[in-house]
């Protein structure tokens, strides 16, 4: 009895090739996408850190502005330069865009 060799059809060869390519490429793509996600999360955390630092700086500057605009400071500077205090002439400029 002779062994009969099975031959694949052209379409079967193509399908097996596609299946092997998918079996090899899916894990590779999965690892690559996880690496990109990790990199994006790291960038996101760095930006959050920068935002928090800037907010702290802004709060500190706001406090300094409030100290400089305080009534005691204005009166002290007016007395230092021999000026009189007129409350209608003092304006605090607020540069916030809301």
N, C-alpha and C. Protein backbone atom coordinates (compact mmCIF):
# COMPACT_ATOMS: atom_id res chain seq x y z
N UNK A 1 0.82 -1.17 0.00
CA UNK A 1 0.00 0.00 0.00
C UNK A 1 0.88 1.26 0.00
N UNK A 2 0.59 2.10 -0.89
CA UNK A 2 1.35 3.34 -1.00
C UNK A 2 0.70 4.43 -0.16
N UNK A 3 1.60 5.24 0.41
CA UNK A 3 1.08 6.39 1.15
C UNK A 3 0.77 7.48 0.15
N UNK A 4 -0.37 7.98 0.30
CA UNK A 4 -0.77 9.06 -0.59
C UNK A 4 -0.41 10.39 0.05
N UNK A 5 0.32 11.20 -0.65
CA UNK A 5 0.71 12.51 -0.16
C UNK A 5 -0.43 13.48 -0.36
N UNK A 6 -0.74 14.18 0.70
CA UNK A 6 -1.80 15.18 0.54
C UNK A 6 -1.16 16.47 0.08
N UNK A 7 -1.74 17.01 -0.91
CA UNK A 7 -1.26 18.29 -1.42
C UNK A 7 -2.27 19.36 -1.04
N UNK A 8 -1.70 20.50 -0.70
CA UNK A 8 -2.56 21.63 -0.33
C UNK A 8 -2.93 22.41 -1.58
N UNK A 9 -4.12 22.89 -1.55
CA UNK A 9 -4.55 23.76 -2.63
C UNK A 9 -3.93 25.14 -2.41
N UNK A 10 -3.93 25.95 -3.47
CA UNK A 10 -3.35 27.29 -3.36
C UNK A 10 -4.05 28.10 -2.27
N UNK A 11 -5.34 28.01 -2.20
CA UNK A 11 -6.10 28.76 -1.19
C UNK A 11 -5.79 28.29 0.21
N UNK A 12 -5.57 26.97 0.37
CA UNK A 12 -5.25 26.45 1.69
C UNK A 12 -3.88 26.93 2.15
N UNK A 13 -2.92 26.96 1.25
CA UNK A 13 -1.59 27.46 1.60
C UNK A 13 -1.67 28.91 2.05
N UNK A 14 -2.45 29.70 1.34
CA UNK A 14 -2.62 31.11 1.69
C UNK A 14 -3.26 31.24 3.06
N UNK A 15 -4.30 30.47 3.33
CA UNK A 15 -5.01 30.54 4.62
C UNK A 15 -4.09 30.12 5.76
N UNK A 16 -3.32 29.06 5.58
CA UNK A 16 -2.38 28.64 6.62
C UNK A 16 -1.31 29.72 6.85
N UNK A 17 -0.86 30.34 5.79
CA UNK A 17 0.11 31.42 5.92
C UNK A 17 -0.45 32.59 6.72
N UNK A 18 -1.69 32.94 6.41
CA UNK A 18 -2.35 34.04 7.13
C UNK A 18 -2.52 33.69 8.60
N UNK A 19 -2.93 32.47 8.89
CA UNK A 19 -3.11 32.05 10.28
C UNK A 19 -1.79 32.08 11.05
N UNK A 20 -0.71 31.64 10.42
CA UNK A 20 0.59 31.67 11.08
C UNK A 20 1.03 33.11 11.32
N UNK A 21 0.82 33.99 10.34
CA UNK A 21 1.17 35.40 10.50
C UNK A 21 0.38 36.03 11.64
N UNK A 22 -0.91 35.73 11.72
CA UNK A 22 -1.73 36.27 12.81
C UNK A 22 -1.26 35.73 14.15
N UNK A 23 -0.94 34.45 14.21
CA UNK A 23 -0.49 33.85 15.47
C UNK A 23 0.81 34.49 15.94
N UNK A 24 1.65 34.91 15.03
CA UNK A 24 2.91 35.54 15.41
C UNK A 24 2.77 37.04 15.65
N UNK A 25 1.90 37.71 14.92
CA UNK A 25 1.81 39.16 15.01
C UNK A 25 0.93 39.66 16.15
N UNK A 26 -0.08 38.93 16.55
CA UNK A 26 -0.98 39.41 17.62
C UNK A 26 -0.23 39.62 18.93
N UNK A 27 0.58 38.68 19.42
CA UNK A 27 1.33 38.97 20.67
C UNK A 27 2.30 40.14 20.53
N UNK A 28 2.92 40.25 19.36
CA UNK A 28 3.86 41.36 19.14
C UNK A 28 3.13 42.69 19.18
N UNK A 29 2.01 42.78 18.53
CA UNK A 29 1.21 44.01 18.54
C UNK A 29 0.72 44.32 19.94
N UNK A 30 0.34 43.30 20.70
CA UNK A 30 -0.13 43.48 22.06
C UNK A 30 0.97 44.10 22.93
N UNK A 31 2.18 43.57 22.86
CA UNK A 31 3.30 44.10 23.64
C UNK A 31 3.60 45.54 23.22
N UNK A 32 3.60 45.79 21.93
CA UNK A 32 3.88 47.14 21.41
C UNK A 32 2.84 48.15 21.91
N UNK A 33 1.57 47.76 21.88
CA UNK A 33 0.52 48.68 22.33
C UNK A 33 0.61 48.94 23.83
N UNK A 34 0.98 47.92 24.61
CA UNK A 34 1.14 48.12 26.06
C UNK A 34 2.30 49.07 26.33
N UNK A 35 3.38 48.97 25.55
CA UNK A 35 4.51 49.86 25.72
C UNK A 35 4.11 51.30 25.40
N UNK A 36 3.35 51.50 24.35
CA UNK A 36 2.88 52.85 24.00
C UNK A 36 1.97 53.42 25.08
N UNK A 37 1.10 52.57 25.63
CA UNK A 37 0.21 53.01 26.70
C UNK A 37 1.00 53.42 27.93
N UNK A 38 2.01 52.64 28.26
CA UNK A 38 2.86 52.96 29.41
C UNK A 38 3.58 54.28 29.20
N UNK A 39 4.11 54.49 28.02
CA UNK A 39 4.81 55.74 27.71
C UNK A 39 3.87 56.94 27.81
N UNK A 40 2.65 56.76 27.33
CA UNK A 40 1.66 57.84 27.39
C UNK A 40 1.29 58.14 28.84
N UNK A 41 1.17 57.12 29.67
CA UNK A 41 0.86 57.34 31.08
C UNK A 41 1.98 58.08 31.79
N UNK A 42 3.21 57.77 31.45
CA UNK A 42 4.35 58.47 32.06
C UNK A 42 4.33 59.95 31.67
N UNK A 43 4.09 60.24 30.39
CA UNK A 43 4.00 61.63 29.95
C UNK A 43 2.86 62.35 30.65
N UNK A 44 1.74 61.66 30.83
CA UNK A 44 0.57 62.24 31.49
C UNK A 44 0.91 62.61 32.93
N UNK A 45 1.60 61.73 33.65
CA UNK A 45 1.97 62.01 35.04
C UNK A 45 2.95 63.19 35.12
N UNK A 46 3.88 63.28 34.16
CA UNK A 46 4.82 64.41 34.15
C UNK A 46 4.08 65.72 33.94
N UNK A 47 3.09 65.71 33.03
CA UNK A 47 2.31 66.92 32.79
C UNK A 47 1.49 67.30 34.03
N UNK A 48 0.92 66.31 34.71
CA UNK A 48 0.17 66.60 35.93
C UNK A 48 1.07 67.23 36.98
N UNK A 49 2.30 66.72 37.07
CA UNK A 49 3.25 67.27 38.03
C UNK A 49 3.58 68.72 37.69
N UNK A 50 3.81 69.01 36.41
CA UNK A 50 4.09 70.38 35.99
C UNK A 50 2.91 71.30 36.29
N UNK A 51 1.70 70.81 36.04
CA UNK A 51 0.50 71.62 36.29
C UNK A 51 0.39 71.94 37.78
N UNK A 52 0.64 70.93 38.64
CA UNK A 52 0.56 71.17 40.08
C UNK A 52 1.60 72.20 40.52
N UNK A 53 2.82 72.10 39.99
CA UNK A 53 3.86 73.07 40.34
C UNK A 53 3.45 74.48 39.90
N UNK A 54 2.89 74.58 38.70
CA UNK A 54 2.47 75.89 38.20
C UNK A 54 1.32 76.46 39.03
N UNK A 55 0.40 75.59 39.45
CA UNK A 55 -0.70 76.06 40.29
C UNK A 55 -0.17 76.56 41.63
N UNK A 56 0.83 75.87 42.20
CA UNK A 56 1.43 76.33 43.45
C UNK A 56 2.11 77.69 43.26
N UNK A 57 2.82 77.83 42.14
CA UNK A 57 3.48 79.10 41.85
C UNK A 57 2.45 80.21 41.70
N UNK A 58 1.36 79.91 40.99
CA UNK A 58 0.30 80.91 40.80
C UNK A 58 -0.32 81.32 42.14
N UNK A 59 -0.53 80.34 43.02
CA UNK A 59 -1.12 80.65 44.32
C UNK A 59 -0.16 81.53 45.13
N UNK A 60 1.13 81.23 45.05
CA UNK A 60 2.12 82.03 45.76
C UNK A 60 2.15 83.46 45.23
N UNK A 61 2.11 83.61 43.91
CA UNK A 61 2.10 84.95 43.32
C UNK A 61 0.82 85.70 43.67
N UNK A 62 -0.28 84.99 43.73
CA UNK A 62 -1.55 85.62 44.11
C UNK A 62 -1.46 86.17 45.54
N UNK A 63 -0.82 85.39 46.43
CA UNK A 63 -0.65 85.87 47.80
C UNK A 63 0.24 87.10 47.84
N UNK A 64 1.30 87.10 47.04
CA UNK A 64 2.18 88.26 47.01
C UNK A 64 1.44 89.48 46.49
N UNK A 65 0.60 89.30 45.47
CA UNK A 65 -0.20 90.41 44.94
C UNK A 65 -1.11 90.96 46.03
N UNK A 66 -1.78 90.06 46.75
CA UNK A 66 -2.69 90.50 47.81
C UNK A 66 -1.95 91.25 48.91
N UNK A 67 -0.71 90.82 49.21
CA UNK A 67 0.07 91.53 50.22
C UNK A 67 0.45 92.93 49.73
N UNK A 68 0.84 93.02 48.46
CA UNK A 68 1.24 94.32 47.92
C UNK A 68 0.05 95.28 47.80
N UNK A 69 -1.14 94.76 47.61
CA UNK A 69 -2.32 95.59 47.44
C UNK A 69 -2.96 95.90 48.79
N UNK A 70 -2.44 95.30 49.87
CA UNK A 70 -3.06 95.51 51.18
C UNK A 70 -3.02 96.98 51.58
N UNK A 71 -3.98 97.35 52.38
CA UNK A 71 -4.14 98.74 52.79
C UNK A 71 -2.92 99.24 53.58
N UNK A 72 -2.35 98.37 54.43
CA UNK A 72 -1.20 98.78 55.22
C UNK A 72 0.00 99.08 54.32
N UNK A 73 0.21 98.26 53.33
CA UNK A 73 1.34 98.45 52.41
C UNK A 73 1.16 99.73 51.60
N UNK A 74 -0.04 99.98 51.13
CA UNK A 74 -0.31 101.19 50.35
C UNK A 74 -0.08 102.43 51.20
N UNK A 75 -0.57 102.38 52.43
CA UNK A 75 -0.41 103.53 53.34
C UNK A 75 1.06 103.76 53.66
N UNK A 76 1.82 102.68 53.86
CA UNK A 76 3.24 102.79 54.17
C UNK A 76 4.01 103.42 53.00
N UNK A 77 3.71 102.97 51.79
CA UNK A 77 4.40 103.52 50.61
C UNK A 77 4.00 104.97 50.40
N UNK A 78 2.72 105.28 50.61
CA UNK A 78 2.26 106.66 50.46
C UNK A 78 2.96 107.57 51.46
N UNK A 79 3.10 107.12 52.71
CA UNK A 79 3.79 107.92 53.73
C UNK A 79 5.27 108.07 53.39
N UNK A 80 5.86 107.00 52.85
CA UNK A 80 7.28 107.01 52.52
C UNK A 80 7.61 108.06 51.46
N UNK A 81 6.72 108.24 50.51
CA UNK A 81 6.95 109.21 49.43
C UNK A 81 6.24 110.54 49.67
N UNK A 82 5.64 110.69 50.83
CA UNK A 82 4.99 111.94 51.16
C UNK A 82 3.71 112.17 50.37
N UNK A 83 3.02 111.10 50.04
CA UNK A 83 1.78 111.20 49.27
C UNK A 83 0.58 111.06 50.19
N UNK A 84 -0.54 111.55 49.72
CA UNK A 84 -1.77 111.36 50.49
C UNK A 84 -2.54 110.20 49.88
N UNK A 85 -3.32 109.55 50.71
CA UNK A 85 -4.05 108.37 50.29
C UNK A 85 -5.46 108.75 49.88
N UNK A 86 -5.81 108.43 48.62
CA UNK A 86 -7.18 108.62 48.13
C UNK A 86 -7.65 107.25 47.63
N UNK A 87 -8.61 106.69 48.31
CA UNK A 87 -9.01 105.31 48.01
C UNK A 87 -9.64 105.16 46.63
N UNK A 88 -10.19 106.22 46.05
CA UNK A 88 -10.81 106.11 44.73
C UNK A 88 -9.78 105.91 43.62
N UNK A 89 -8.52 106.27 43.88
CA UNK A 89 -7.49 106.16 42.86
C UNK A 89 -6.81 104.79 42.81
N UNK A 90 -7.11 103.92 43.75
CA UNK A 90 -6.45 102.61 43.82
C UNK A 90 -7.34 101.57 43.14
N UNK A 91 -6.73 100.91 42.16
CA UNK A 91 -7.47 99.89 41.41
C UNK A 91 -6.61 98.63 41.35
N UNK A 92 -7.19 97.50 41.67
CA UNK A 92 -6.50 96.22 41.53
C UNK A 92 -6.93 95.62 40.21
N UNK A 93 -5.97 95.34 39.35
CA UNK A 93 -6.26 94.80 38.02
C UNK A 93 -6.22 93.27 38.12
N UNK A 94 -7.30 92.67 37.67
CA UNK A 94 -7.39 91.21 37.69
C UNK A 94 -7.30 90.71 36.26
N UNK A 95 -6.27 89.92 35.94
CA UNK A 95 -6.00 89.51 34.58
C UNK A 95 -6.53 88.10 34.28
N UNK A 96 -7.47 87.61 35.03
CA UNK A 96 -7.99 86.26 34.79
C UNK A 96 -9.02 86.29 33.67
N UNK A 97 -8.96 85.29 32.82
CA UNK A 97 -9.96 85.15 31.76
C UNK A 97 -10.95 84.07 32.19
N UNK A 98 -12.17 84.46 32.39
CA UNK A 98 -13.20 83.49 32.82
C UNK A 98 -14.28 83.39 31.80
